[in-house]
């Protein structure tokens, strides 16, 4: 289970969104479940991702966050000879539910 303990430490102040974006970027594409958002026949490039915080709310147990994720896709096999693989930008939205007590996060691809 992934924990966002750095972000939870900032909950309730103005730096929460910045801390969350930074922590998600640090997790990287291998920890954030965005592979299902990839275009068929393309793979997620393991380079840096971009995070946009779209909405934030809370209930008694969780912090609920909707984020936009910008990432790169690679189409292998598209190139011939010494050509570079085709890389394109992609976007998806995710819903995060962060438990306030444990800082464990559940991801849902929208």
PDB file of N, CA and C in Angstrom:
ATOM      1  N   UNK A   1       0.846  -1.181   0.000  1.00  0.00           N
ATOM      2  CA  UNK A   1       0.000   0.000   0.000  1.00  0.00           C
ATOM      3  C   UNK A   1       0.888   1.240   0.000  1.00  0.00           C
ATOM      4  N   UNK A   2       0.549   2.172  -0.856  1.00  0.00           N
ATOM      5  CA  UNK A   2       1.298   3.429  -0.956  1.00  0.00           C
ATOM      6  C   UNK A   2       0.793   4.397   0.106  1.00  0.00           C
ATOM      7  N   UNK A   3       1.735   5.070   0.755  1.00  0.00           N
ATOM      8  CA  UNK A   3       1.399   6.076   1.759  1.00  0.00           C
ATOM      9  C   UNK A   3       1.889   7.436   1.287  1.00  0.00           C
ATOM     10  N   UNK A   4       1.093   8.463   1.574  1.00  0.00           N
ATOM     11  CA  UNK A   4       1.443   9.849   1.251  1.00  0.00           C
ATOM     12  C   UNK A   4       1.629  10.633   2.546  1.00  0.00           C
ATOM     13  N   UNK A   5       2.556  10.165   3.359  1.00  0.00           N
ATOM     14  CA  UNK A   5       2.746  10.748   4.689  1.00  0.00           C
ATOM     15  C   UNK A   5       3.274  12.176   4.649  1.00  0.00           C
ATOM     16  N   UNK A   6       4.080  12.519   3.636  1.00  0.00           N
ATOM     17  CA  UNK A   6       4.568  13.897   3.526  1.00  0.00           C
ATOM     18  C   UNK A   6       3.404  14.852   3.262  1.00  0.00           C
ATOM     19  N   UNK A   7       2.489  14.435   2.402  1.00  0.00           N
ATOM     20  CA  UNK A   7       1.339  15.274   2.062  1.00  0.00           C
ATOM     21  C   UNK A   7       0.404  15.436   3.253  1.00  0.00           C
ATOM     22  N   UNK A   8       0.141  14.345   3.947  1.00  0.00           N
ATOM     23  CA  UNK A   8      -0.751  14.389   5.112  1.00  0.00           C
ATOM     24  C   UNK A   8      -0.242  15.379   6.143  1.00  0.00           C
ATOM     25  N   UNK A   9       1.066  15.490   6.274  1.00  0.00           N
ATOM     26  CA  UNK A   9       1.643  16.427   7.245  1.00  0.00           C
ATOM     27  C   UNK A   9       1.255  17.873   6.932  1.00  0.00           C
ATOM     28  N   UNK A  10       0.931  18.160   5.668  1.00  0.00           N
ATOM     29  CA  UNK A  10       0.552  19.517   5.263  1.00  0.00           C
ATOM     30  C   UNK A  10      -0.960  19.726   5.178  1.00  0.00           C
ATOM     31  N   UNK A  11      -1.752  18.695   5.485  1.00  0.00           N
ATOM     32  CA  UNK A  11      -3.196  18.838   5.377  1.00  0.00           C
ATOM     33  C   UNK A  11      -3.690  19.952   6.300  1.00  0.00           C
ATOM     34  N   UNK A  12      -4.527  20.812   5.755  1.00  0.00           N
ATOM     35  CA  UNK A  12      -5.086  21.902   6.535  1.00  0.00           C
ATOM     36  C   UNK A  12      -4.361  23.227   6.369  1.00  0.00           C
ATOM     37  N   UNK A  13      -3.261  23.244   5.620  1.00  0.00           N
ATOM     38  CA  UNK A  13      -2.617  24.529   5.361  1.00  0.00           C
ATOM     39  C   UNK A  13      -2.422  24.722   3.854  1.00  0.00           C
ATOM     40  N   UNK A  14      -1.979  25.907   3.487  1.00  0.00           N
ATOM     41  CA  UNK A  14      -1.888  26.297   2.077  1.00  0.00           C
ATOM     42  C   UNK A  14      -0.885  25.482   1.256  1.00  0.00           C
ATOM     43  N   UNK A  15       0.015  24.788   1.903  1.00  0.00           N
ATOM     44  CA  UNK A  15       1.047  24.035   1.189  1.00  0.00           C
ATOM     45  C   UNK A  15       0.637  22.601   0.844  1.00  0.00           C
ATOM     46  N   UNK A  16      -0.582  22.199   1.190  1.00  0.00           N
ATOM     47  CA  UNK A  16      -0.999  20.822   0.939  1.00  0.00           C
ATOM     48  C   UNK A  16      -0.924  20.456  -0.538  1.00  0.00           C
ATOM     49  N   UNK A  17      -1.489  21.274  -1.418  1.00  0.00           N
ATOM     50  CA  UNK A  17      -1.499  20.946  -2.848  1.00  0.00           C
ATOM     51  C   UNK A  17      -0.087  20.819  -3.406  1.00  0.00           C
ATOM     52  N   UNK A  18       0.789  21.725  -3.021  1.00  0.00           N
ATOM     53  CA  UNK A  18       2.183  21.664  -3.480  1.00  0.00           C
ATOM     54  C   UNK A  18       2.877  20.403  -2.970  1.00  0.00           C
ATOM     55  N   UNK A  19       2.654  20.079  -1.706  1.00  0.00           N
ATOM     56  CA  UNK A  19       3.274  18.884  -1.121  1.00  0.00           C
ATOM     57  C   UNK A  19       2.748  17.621  -1.793  1.00  0.00           C
ATOM     58  N   UNK A  20       1.455  17.585  -2.077  1.00  0.00           N
ATOM     59  CA  UNK A  20       0.864  16.421  -2.737  1.00  0.00           C
ATOM     60  C   UNK A  20       1.419  16.246  -4.141  1.00  0.00           C
ATOM     61  N   UNK A  21       1.467  17.334  -4.908  1.00  0.00           N
ATOM     62  CA  UNK A  21       2.022  17.259  -6.268  1.00  0.00           C
ATOM     63  C   UNK A  21       3.461  16.756  -6.234  1.00  0.00           C
ATOM     64  N   UNK A  22       4.260  17.297  -5.342  1.00  0.00           N
ATOM     65  CA  UNK A  22       5.662  16.898  -5.246  1.00  0.00           C
ATOM     66  C   UNK A  22       5.786  15.419  -4.878  1.00  0.00           C
ATOM     67  N   UNK A  23       4.996  14.968  -3.926  1.00  0.00           N
ATOM     68  CA  UNK A  23       5.084  13.572  -3.495  1.00  0.00           C
ATOM     69  C   UNK A  23       4.624  12.613  -4.597  1.00  0.00           C
ATOM     70  N   UNK A  24       3.592  12.975  -5.338  1.00  0.00           N
ATOM     71  CA  UNK A  24       3.134  12.129  -6.443  1.00  0.00           C
ATOM     72  C   UNK A  24       4.172  12.057  -7.553  1.00  0.00           C
ATOM     73  N   UNK A  25       4.807  13.190  -7.866  1.00  0.00           N
ATOM     74  CA  UNK A  25       5.865  13.199  -8.886  1.00  0.00           C
ATOM     75  C   UNK A  25       7.026  12.321  -8.427  1.00  0.00           C
ATOM     76  N   UNK A  26       7.381  12.396  -7.134  1.00  0.00           N
ATOM     77  CA  UNK A  26       8.461  11.570  -6.606  1.00  0.00           C
ATOM     78  C   UNK A  26       8.128  10.081  -6.690  1.00  0.00           C
ATOM     79  N   UNK A  27       6.865   9.725  -6.523  1.00  0.00           N
ATOM     80  CA  UNK A  27       6.465   8.320  -6.647  1.00  0.00           C
ATOM     81  C   UNK A  27       6.729   7.802  -8.060  1.00  0.00           C
ATOM     82  N   UNK A  28       6.431   8.638  -9.042  1.00  0.00           N
ATOM     83  CA  UNK A  28       6.694   8.284 -10.435  1.00  0.00           C
ATOM     84  C   UNK A  28       5.659   7.362 -11.047  1.00  0.00           C
ATOM     85  N   UNK A  29       5.851   7.109 -12.329  1.00  0.00           N
ATOM     86  CA  UNK A  29       4.870   6.349 -13.112  1.00  0.00           C
ATOM     87  C   UNK A  29       4.793   4.888 -12.710  1.00  0.00           C
ATOM     88  N   UNK A  30       5.807   4.355 -12.075  1.00  0.00           N
ATOM     89  CA  UNK A  30       5.765   2.957 -11.682  1.00  0.00           C
ATOM     90  C   UNK A  30       4.925   2.716 -10.435  1.00  0.00           C
ATOM     91  N   UNK A  31       4.636   3.762  -9.682  1.00  0.00           N
ATOM     92  CA  UNK A  31       3.832   3.620  -8.468  1.00  0.00           C
ATOM     93  C   UNK A  31       2.412   4.140  -8.633  1.00  0.00           C
ATOM     94  N   UNK A  32       2.224   5.055  -9.551  1.00  0.00           N
ATOM     95  CA  UNK A  32       0.892   5.603  -9.797  1.00  0.00           C
ATOM     96  C   UNK A  32       0.258   4.779 -10.923  1.00  0.00           C
ATOM     97  N   UNK A  33      -0.906   4.196 -10.689  1.00  0.00           N
ATOM     98  CA  UNK A  33      -1.486   3.271 -11.670  1.00  0.00           C
ATOM     99  C   UNK A  33      -2.097   3.976 -12.891  1.00  0.00           C
ATOM    100  N   UNK A  34      -1.241   4.385 -13.827  1.00  0.00           N
ATOM    101  CA  UNK A  34      -1.748   5.065 -15.023  1.00  0.00           C
ATOM    102  C   UNK A  34      -1.601   4.226 -16.286  1.00  0.00           C
ATOM    103  N   UNK A  35      -1.064   2.999 -16.164  1.00  0.00           N
ATOM    104  CA  UNK A  35      -0.855   2.168 -17.351  1.00  0.00           C
ATOM    105  C   UNK A  35      -2.170   1.933 -18.109  1.00  0.00           C
ATOM    106  N   UNK A  36      -3.272   1.803 -17.381  1.00  0.00           N
ATOM    107  CA  UNK A  36      -4.572   1.596 -18.029  1.00  0.00           C
ATOM    108  C   UNK A  36      -4.995   2.795 -18.873  1.00  0.00           C
ATOM    109  N   UNK A  37      -4.392   3.945 -18.611  1.00  0.00           N
ATOM    110  CA  UNK A  37      -4.727   5.159 -19.365  1.00  0.00           C
ATOM    111  C   UNK A  37      -3.916   5.275 -20.653  1.00  0.00           C
ATOM    112  N   UNK A  38      -2.946   4.406 -20.830  1.00  0.00           N
ATOM    113  CA  UNK A  38      -2.103   4.468 -22.030  1.00  0.00           C
ATOM    114  C   UNK A  38      -2.914   4.094 -23.271  1.00  0.00           C
ATOM    115  N   UNK A  39      -2.576   4.712 -24.369  1.00  0.00           N
ATOM    116  CA  UNK A  39      -3.191   4.396 -25.651  1.00  0.00           C
ATOM    117  C   UNK A  39      -2.804   2.964 -26.015  1.00  0.00           C
ATOM    118  N   UNK A  40      -3.746   2.157 -26.515  1.00  0.00           N
ATOM    119  CA  UNK A  40      -3.394   0.782 -26.906  1.00  0.00           C
ATOM    120  C   UNK A  40      -2.198   0.769 -27.867  1.00  0.00           C
ATOM    121  N   UNK A  41      -1.246  -0.110 -27.593  1.00  0.00           N
ATOM    122  CA  UNK A  41      -0.047  -0.219 -28.409  1.00  0.00           C
ATOM    123  C   UNK A  41       1.078   0.694 -27.979  1.00  0.00           C
ATOM    124  N   UNK A  42       0.839   1.506 -26.960  1.00  0.00           N
ATOM    125  CA  UNK A  42       1.876   2.405 -26.450  1.00  0.00           C
ATOM    126  C   UNK A  42       2.171   2.053 -24.997  1.00  0.00           C
ATOM    127  N   UNK A  43       3.339   2.463 -24.561  1.00  0.00           N
ATOM    128  CA  UNK A  43       3.781   2.201 -23.207  1.00  0.00           C
ATOM    129  C   UNK A  43       4.069   3.523 -22.507  1.00  0.00           C
ATOM    130  N   UNK A  44       3.910   3.512 -21.191  1.00  0.00           N
ATOM    131  CA  UNK A  44       4.191   4.713 -20.409  1.00  0.00           C
ATOM    132  C   UNK A  44       5.706   4.909 -20.349  1.00  0.00           C
ATOM    133  N   UNK A  45       6.143   6.099 -20.705  1.00  0.00           N
ATOM    134  CA  UNK A  45       7.544   6.472 -20.585  1.00  0.00           C
ATOM    135  C   UNK A  45       7.818   6.713 -19.100  1.00  0.00           C
ATOM    136  N   UNK A  46       8.906   6.198 -18.595  1.00  0.00           N
ATOM    137  CA  UNK A  46       9.180   6.342 -17.166  1.00  0.00           C
ATOM    138  C   UNK A  46       9.865   7.656 -16.806  1.00  0.00           C
ATOM    139  N   UNK A  47       9.714   8.651 -17.676  1.00  0.00           N
ATOM    140  CA  UNK A  47      10.248   9.977 -17.366  1.00  0.00           C
ATOM    141  C   UNK A  47       9.300  10.693 -16.407  1.00  0.00           C
ATOM    142  N   UNK A  48       9.608  11.913 -16.115  1.00  0.00           N
ATOM    143  CA  UNK A  48       8.828  12.701 -15.163  1.00  0.00           C
ATOM    144  C   UNK A  48       7.383  12.879 -15.606  1.00  0.00           C
ATOM    145  N   UNK A  49       6.509  12.978 -14.625  1.00  0.00           N
ATOM    146  CA  UNK A  49       5.090  13.238 -14.885  1.00  0.00           C
ATOM    147  C   UNK A  49       4.737  14.629 -14.362  1.00  0.00           C
ATOM    148  N   UNK A  50       3.616  15.152 -14.827  1.00  0.00           N
ATOM    149  CA  UNK A  50       3.096  16.420 -14.325  1.00  0.00           C
ATOM    150  C   UNK A  50       1.780  16.172 -13.611  1.00  0.00           C
ATOM    151  N   UNK A  51       1.566  16.843 -12.512  1.00  0.00           N
ATOM    152  CA  UNK A  51       0.354  16.669 -11.705  1.00  0.00           C
ATOM    153  C   UNK A  51      -0.359  18.011 -11.577  1.00  0.00           C
ATOM    154  N   UNK A  52      -1.672  17.992 -11.781  1.00  0.00           N
ATOM    155  CA  UNK A  52      -2.521  19.151 -11.549  1.00  0.00           C
ATOM    156  C   UNK A  52      -3.590  18.757 -10.537  1.00  0.00           C
ATOM    157  N   UNK A  53      -3.732  19.527  -9.476  1.00  0.00           N
ATOM    158  CA  UNK A  53      -4.774  19.267  -8.482  1.00  0.00           C
ATOM    159  C   UNK A  53      -6.050  19.924  -8.989  1.00  0.00           C
ATOM    160  N   UNK A  54      -7.094  19.123  -9.207  1.00  0.00           N
ATOM    161  CA  UNK A  54      -8.348  19.640  -9.752  1.00  0.00           C
ATOM    162  C   UNK A  54      -9.366  19.966  -8.660  1.00  0.00           C
ATOM    163  N   UNK A  55      -9.550  19.066  -7.716  1.00  0.00           N
ATOM    164  CA  UNK A  55     -10.469  19.308  -6.600  1.00  0.00           C
ATOM    165  C   UNK A  55      -9.923  18.646  -5.338  1.00  0.00           C
ATOM    166  N   UNK A  56     -10.254  19.230  -4.195  1.00  0.00           N
ATOM    167  CA  UNK A  56      -9.871  18.662  -2.902  1.00  0.00           C
ATOM    168  C   UNK A  56     -11.051  18.824  -1.958  1.00  0.00           C
ATOM    169  N   UNK A  57     -11.395  17.746  -1.275  1.00  0.00           N
ATOM    170  CA  UNK A  57     -12.433  17.802  -0.247  1.00  0.00           C
ATOM    171  C   UNK A  57     -12.072  16.775   0.825  1.00  0.00           C
ATOM    172  N   UNK A  58     -12.862  16.742   1.863  1.00  0.00           N
ATOM    173  CA  UNK A  58     -12.602  15.775   2.932  1.00  0.00           C
ATOM    174  C   UNK A  58     -13.902  15.278   3.518  1.00  0.00           C
ATOM    175  N   UNK A  59     -13.823  14.104   4.095  1.00  0.00           N
ATOM    176  CA  UNK A  59     -14.902  13.600   4.924  1.00  0.00           C
ATOM    177  C   UNK A  59     -14.276  13.216   6.260  1.00  0.00           C
ATOM    178  N   UNK A  60     -14.986  12.533   7.072  1.00  0.00           N
ATOM    179  CA  UNK A  60     -14.494  12.218   8.412  1.00  0.00           C
ATOM    180  C   UNK A  60     -13.198  11.408   8.382  1.00  0.00           C
ATOM    181  N   UNK A  61     -13.069  10.484   7.424  1.00  0.00           N
ATOM    182  CA  UNK A  61     -11.917   9.577   7.397  1.00  0.00           C
ATOM    183  C   UNK A  61     -10.853   9.906   6.356  1.00  0.00           C
ATOM    184  N   UNK A  62     -11.271  10.509   5.235  1.00  0.00           N
ATOM    185  CA  UNK A  62     -10.366  10.646   4.096  1.00  0.00           C
ATOM    186  C   UNK A  62     -10.293  12.047   3.523  1.00  0.00           C
ATOM    187  N   UNK A  63      -9.176  12.300   2.843  1.00  0.00           N
ATOM    188  CA  UNK A  63      -9.028  13.471   1.996  1.00  0.00           C
ATOM    189  C   UNK A  63      -9.276  12.968   0.576  1.00  0.00           C
ATOM    190  N   UNK A  64     -10.198  13.564  -0.122  1.00  0.00           N
ATOM    191  CA  UNK A  64     -10.577  13.141  -1.470  1.00  0.00           C
ATOM    192  C   UNK A  64     -10.015  14.147  -2.465  1.00  0.00           C
ATOM    193  N   UNK A  65      -9.216  13.670  -3.415  1.00  0.00           N
ATOM    194  CA  UNK A  65      -8.539  14.556  -4.354  1.00  0.00           C
ATOM    195  C   UNK A  65      -8.734  14.036  -5.768  1.00  0.00           C
ATOM    196  N   UNK A  66      -9.073  14.934  -6.666  1.00  0.00           N
ATOM    197  CA  UNK A  66      -9.108  14.606  -8.093  1.00  0.00           C
ATOM    198  C   UNK A  66      -7.907  15.290  -8.722  1.00  0.00           C
ATOM    199  N   UNK A  67      -7.078  14.509  -9.432  1.00  0.00           N
ATOM    200  CA  UNK A  67      -5.870  15.049 -10.042  1.00  0.00           C
ATOM    201  C   UNK A  67      -5.852  14.757 -11.538  1.00  0.00           C
ATOM    202  N   UNK A  68      -5.185  15.635 -12.262  1.00  0.00           N
ATOM    203  CA  UNK A  68      -4.878  15.396 -13.664  1.00  0.00           C
ATOM    204  C   UNK A  68      -3.415  14.998 -13.745  1.00  0.00           C
ATOM    205  N   UNK A  69      -3.113  13.989 -14.571  1.00  0.00           N
ATOM    206  CA  UNK A  69      -1.749  13.492 -14.709  1.00  0.00           C
ATOM    207  C   UNK A  69      -1.325  13.624 -16.173  1.00  0.00           C
ATOM    208  N   UNK A  70      -0.242  14.334 -16.403  1.00  0.00           N
ATOM    209  CA  UNK A  70       0.331  14.467 -17.742  1.00  0.00           C
ATOM    210  C   UNK A  70       1.556  13.560 -17.783  1.00  0.00           C
ATOM    211  N   UNK A  71       1.613  12.710 -18.793  1.00  0.00           N
ATOM    212  CA  UNK A  71       2.723  11.770 -18.910  1.00  0.00           C
ATOM    213  C   UNK A  71       3.054  11.560 -20.381  1.00  0.00           C
ATOM    214  N   UNK A  72       4.140  10.849 -20.638  1.00  0.00           N
ATOM    215  CA  UNK A  72       4.566  10.576 -22.011  1.00  0.00           C
ATOM    216  C   UNK A  72       4.336   9.111 -22.345  1.00  0.00           C
ATOM    217  N   UNK A  73       3.953   8.872 -23.583  1.00  0.00           N
ATOM    218  CA  UNK A  73       3.776   7.514 -24.093  1.00  0.00           C
ATOM    219  C   UNK A  73       4.809   7.255 -25.186  1.00  0.00           C
ATOM    220  N   UNK A  74       5.243   6.017 -25.274  1.00  0.00           N
ATOM    221  CA  UNK A  74       6.217   5.613 -26.283  1.00  0.00           C
ATOM    222  C   UNK A  74       5.589   4.520 -27.138  1.00  0.00           C
ATOM    223  N   UNK A  75       5.723   4.674 -28.429  1.00  0.00           N
ATOM    224  CA  UNK A  75       5.249   3.631 -29.330  1.00  0.00           C
ATOM    225  C   UNK A  75       6.476   2.925 -29.895  1.00  0.00           C
ATOM    226  N   UNK A  76       6.777   1.762 -29.331  1.00  0.00           N
ATOM    227  CA  UNK A  76       7.899   0.964 -29.809  1.00  0.00           C
ATOM    228  C   UNK A  76       7.487   0.249 -31.079  1.00  0.00           C
ATOM    229  N   UNK A  77       8.426  -0.020 -31.914  1.00  0.00           N
ATOM    230  CA  UNK A  77       8.142  -0.723 -33.155  1.00  0.00           C
ATOM    231  C   UNK A  77       7.679   0.198 -34.262  1.00  0.00           C
ATOM    232  N   UNK A  78       7.466   1.442 -33.944  1.00  0.00           N
ATOM    233  CA  UNK A  78       7.035   2.434 -34.934  1.00  0.00           C
ATOM    234  C   UNK A  78       8.222   2.862 -35.786  1.00  0.00           C
ATOM    235  N   UNK A  79       9.400   2.833 -35.200  1.00  0.00           N
ATOM    236  CA  UNK A  79      10.586   3.356 -35.872  1.00  0.00           C
ATOM    237  C   UNK A  79      11.271   2.285 -36.723  1.00  0.00           C
ATOM    238  N   UNK A  80      12.003   2.732 -37.656  1.00  0.00           N
ATOM    239  CA  UNK A  80      12.759   1.837 -38.525  1.00  0.00           C
ATOM    240  C   UNK A  80      14.236   2.165 -38.392  1.00  0.00           C
ATOM    241  N   UNK A  81      15.076   1.139 -38.383  1.00  0.00           N
ATOM    242  CA  UNK A  81      16.512   1.373 -38.344  1.00  0.00           C
ATOM    243  C   UNK A  81      16.937   2.140 -37.117  1.00  0.00           C
ATOM    244  N   UNK A  82      17.545   3.279 -37.335  1.00  0.00           N
ATOM    245  CA  UNK A  82      18.093   4.072 -36.234  1.00  0.00           C
ATOM    246  C   UNK A  82      17.165   5.202 -35.786  1.00  0.00           C
ATOM    247  N   UNK A  83      15.957   5.232 -36.282  1.00  0.00           N
ATOM    248  CA  UNK A  83      15.011   6.288 -35.879  1.00  0.00           C
ATOM    249  C   UNK A  83      14.656   6.139 -34.405  1.00  0.00           C
ATOM    250  N   UNK A  84      14.383   7.258 -33.791  1.00  0.00           N
ATOM    251  CA  UNK A  84      13.944   7.271 -32.395  1.00  0.00           C
ATOM    252  C   UNK A  84      12.493   6.800 -32.313  1.00  0.00           C
ATOM    253  N   UNK A  85      12.090   6.180 -31.197  1.00  0.00           N
ATOM    254  CA  UNK A  85      10.683   5.798 -31.048  1.00  0.00           C
ATOM    255  C   UNK A  85       9.793   7.038 -30.984  1.00  0.00           C
ATOM    256  N   UNK A  86       8.538   6.882 -31.366  1.00  0.00           N
ATOM    257  CA  UNK A  86       7.590   7.989 -31.343  1.00  0.00           C
ATOM    258  C   UNK A  86       7.127   8.215 -29.905  1.00  0.00           C
ATOM    259  N   UNK A  87       7.287   9.445 -29.411  1.00  0.00           N
ATOM    260  CA  UNK A  87       6.873   9.803 -28.058  1.00  0.00           C
ATOM    261  C   UNK A  87       5.800  10.871 -28.160  1.00  0.00           C
ATOM    262  N   UNK A  88       4.710  10.688 -27.403  1.00  0.00           N
ATOM    263  CA  UNK A  88       3.635  11.681 -27.401  1.00  0.00           C
ATOM    264  C   UNK A  88       3.180  11.930 -25.973  1.00  0.00           C
ATOM    265  N   UNK A  89       2.618  13.103 -25.744  1.00  0.00           N
ATOM    266  CA  UNK A  89       2.082  13.434 -24.429  1.00  0.00           C
ATOM    267  C   UNK A  89       0.680  12.866 -24.290  1.00  0.00           C
ATOM    268  N   UNK A  90       0.341  12.504 -23.057  1.00  0.00           N
ATOM    269  CA  UNK A  90      -0.983  11.954 -22.766  1.00  0.00           C
ATOM    270  C   UNK A  90      -1.475  12.548 -21.444  1.00  0.00           C
ATOM    271  N   UNK A  91      -2.757  12.385 -21.201  1.00  0.00           N
ATOM    272  CA  UNK A  91      -3.379  12.970 -20.009  1.00  0.00           C
ATOM    273  C   UNK A  91      -4.446  12.010 -19.494  1.00  0.00           C
ATOM    274  N   UNK A  92      -4.543  11.911 -18.181  1.00  0.00           N
ATOM    275  CA  UNK A  92      -5.640  11.170 -17.562  1.00  0.00           C
ATOM    276  C   UNK A  92      -6.003  11.860 -16.255  1.00  0.00           C
ATOM    277  N   UNK A  93      -7.143  11.498 -15.727  1.00  0.00           N
ATOM    278  CA  UNK A  93      -7.571  12.019 -14.432  1.00  0.00           C
ATOM    279  C   UNK A  93      -7.744  10.859 -13.472  1.00  0.00           C
ATOM    280  N   UNK A  94      -7.387  11.101 -12.227  1.00  0.00           N
ATOM    281  CA  UNK A  94      -7.469  10.098 -11.181  1.00  0.00           C
ATOM    282  C   UNK A  94      -8.145  10.669  -9.948  1.00  0.00           C
ATOM    283  N   UNK A  95      -8.740   9.782  -9.225  1.00  0.00           N
ATOM    284  CA  UNK A  95      -9.351  10.108  -7.954  1.00  0.00           C
ATOM    285  C   UNK A  95      -8.494   9.452  -6.875  1.00  0.00           C
ATOM    286  N   UNK A  96      -8.065  10.216  -5.883  1.00  0.00           N
ATOM    287  CA  UNK A  96      -7.271   9.707  -4.779  1.00  0.00           C
ATOM    288  C   UNK A  96      -8.069   9.836  -3.497  1.00  0.00           C
ATOM    289  N   UNK A  97      -8.066   8.793  -2.722  1.00  0.00           N
ATOM    290  CA  UNK A  97      -8.674   8.813  -1.403  1.00  0.00           C
ATOM    291  C   UNK A  97      -7.562   8.521  -0.401  1.00  0.00           C
ATOM    292  N   UNK A  98      -7.192   9.547   0.380  1.00  0.00           N
ATOM    293  CA  UNK A  98      -6.065   9.442   1.307  1.00  0.00           C
ATOM    294  C   UNK A  98      -6.616   9.335   2.730  1.00  0.00           C
ATOM    295  N   UNK A  99      -6.308   8.242   3.394  1.00  0.00           N
ATOM    296  CA  UNK A  99      -6.756   8.035   4.758  1.00  0.00           C
ATOM    297  C   UNK A  99      -6.009   8.999   5.683  1.00  0.00           C
ATOM    298  N   UNK A 100      -6.756   9.792   6.448  1.00  0.00           N
ATOM    299  CA  UNK A 100      -6.146  10.798   7.319  1.00  0.00           C
ATOM    300  C   UNK A 100      -5.315  10.185   8.441  1.00  0.00           C
ATOM    301  N   UNK A 101      -5.693   9.016   8.923  1.00  0.00           N
ATOM    302  CA  UNK A 101      -4.984   8.401  10.044  1.00  0.00           C
ATOM    303  C   UNK A 101      -3.737   7.649   9.616  1.00  0.00           C
ATOM    304  N   UNK A 102      -3.823   6.911   8.504  1.00  0.00           N
ATOM    305  CA  UNK A 102      -2.718   6.041   8.091  1.00  0.00           C
ATOM    306  C   UNK A 102      -1.901   6.611   6.939  1.00  0.00           C
ATOM    307  N   UNK A 103      -2.421   7.611   6.251  1.00  0.00           N
ATOM    308  CA  UNK A 103      -1.854   8.227   5.046  1.00  0.00           C
ATOM    309  C   UNK A 103      -1.810   7.271   3.856  1.00  0.00           C
ATOM    310  N   UNK A 104      -2.486   6.129   3.951  1.00  0.00           N
ATOM    311  CA  UNK A 104      -2.575   5.208   2.824  1.00  0.00           C
ATOM    312  C   UNK A 104      -3.506   5.790   1.770  1.00  0.00           C
ATOM    313  N   UNK A 105      -3.149   5.584   0.502  1.00  0.00           N
ATOM    314  CA  UNK A 105      -3.921   6.163  -0.587  1.00  0.00           C
ATOM    315  C   UNK A 105      -4.476   5.061  -1.488  1.00  0.00           C
ATOM    316  N   UNK A 106      -5.692   5.285  -1.940  1.00  0.00           N
ATOM    317  CA  UNK A 106      -6.305   4.422  -2.935  1.00  0.00           C
ATOM    318  C   UNK A 106      -6.482   5.265  -4.195  1.00  0.00           C
ATOM    319  N   UNK A 107      -6.074   4.698  -5.342  1.00  0.00           N
ATOM    320  CA  UNK A 107      -6.169   5.383  -6.630  1.00  0.00           C
ATOM    321  C   UNK A 107      -7.324   4.800  -7.439  1.00  0.00           C
ATOM    322  N   UNK A 108      -8.015   5.664  -8.147  1.00  0.00           N
ATOM    323  CA  UNK A 108      -9.046   5.216  -9.087  1.00  0.00           C
ATOM    324  C   UNK A 108      -8.896   6.029 -10.369  1.00  0.00           C
ATOM    325  N   UNK A 109      -8.624   5.336 -11.459  1.00  0.00           N
ATOM    326  CA  UNK A 109      -8.493   5.995 -12.753  1.00  0.00           C
ATOM    327  C   UNK A 109      -9.888   6.361 -13.235  1.00  0.00           C
ATOM    328  N   UNK A 110     -10.060   7.614 -13.640  1.00  0.00           N
ATOM    329  CA  UNK A 110     -11.373   8.064 -14.111  1.00  0.00           C
ATOM    330  C   UNK A 110     -11.466   8.003 -15.615  1.00  0.00           C
TER     331      UNK A 110
END
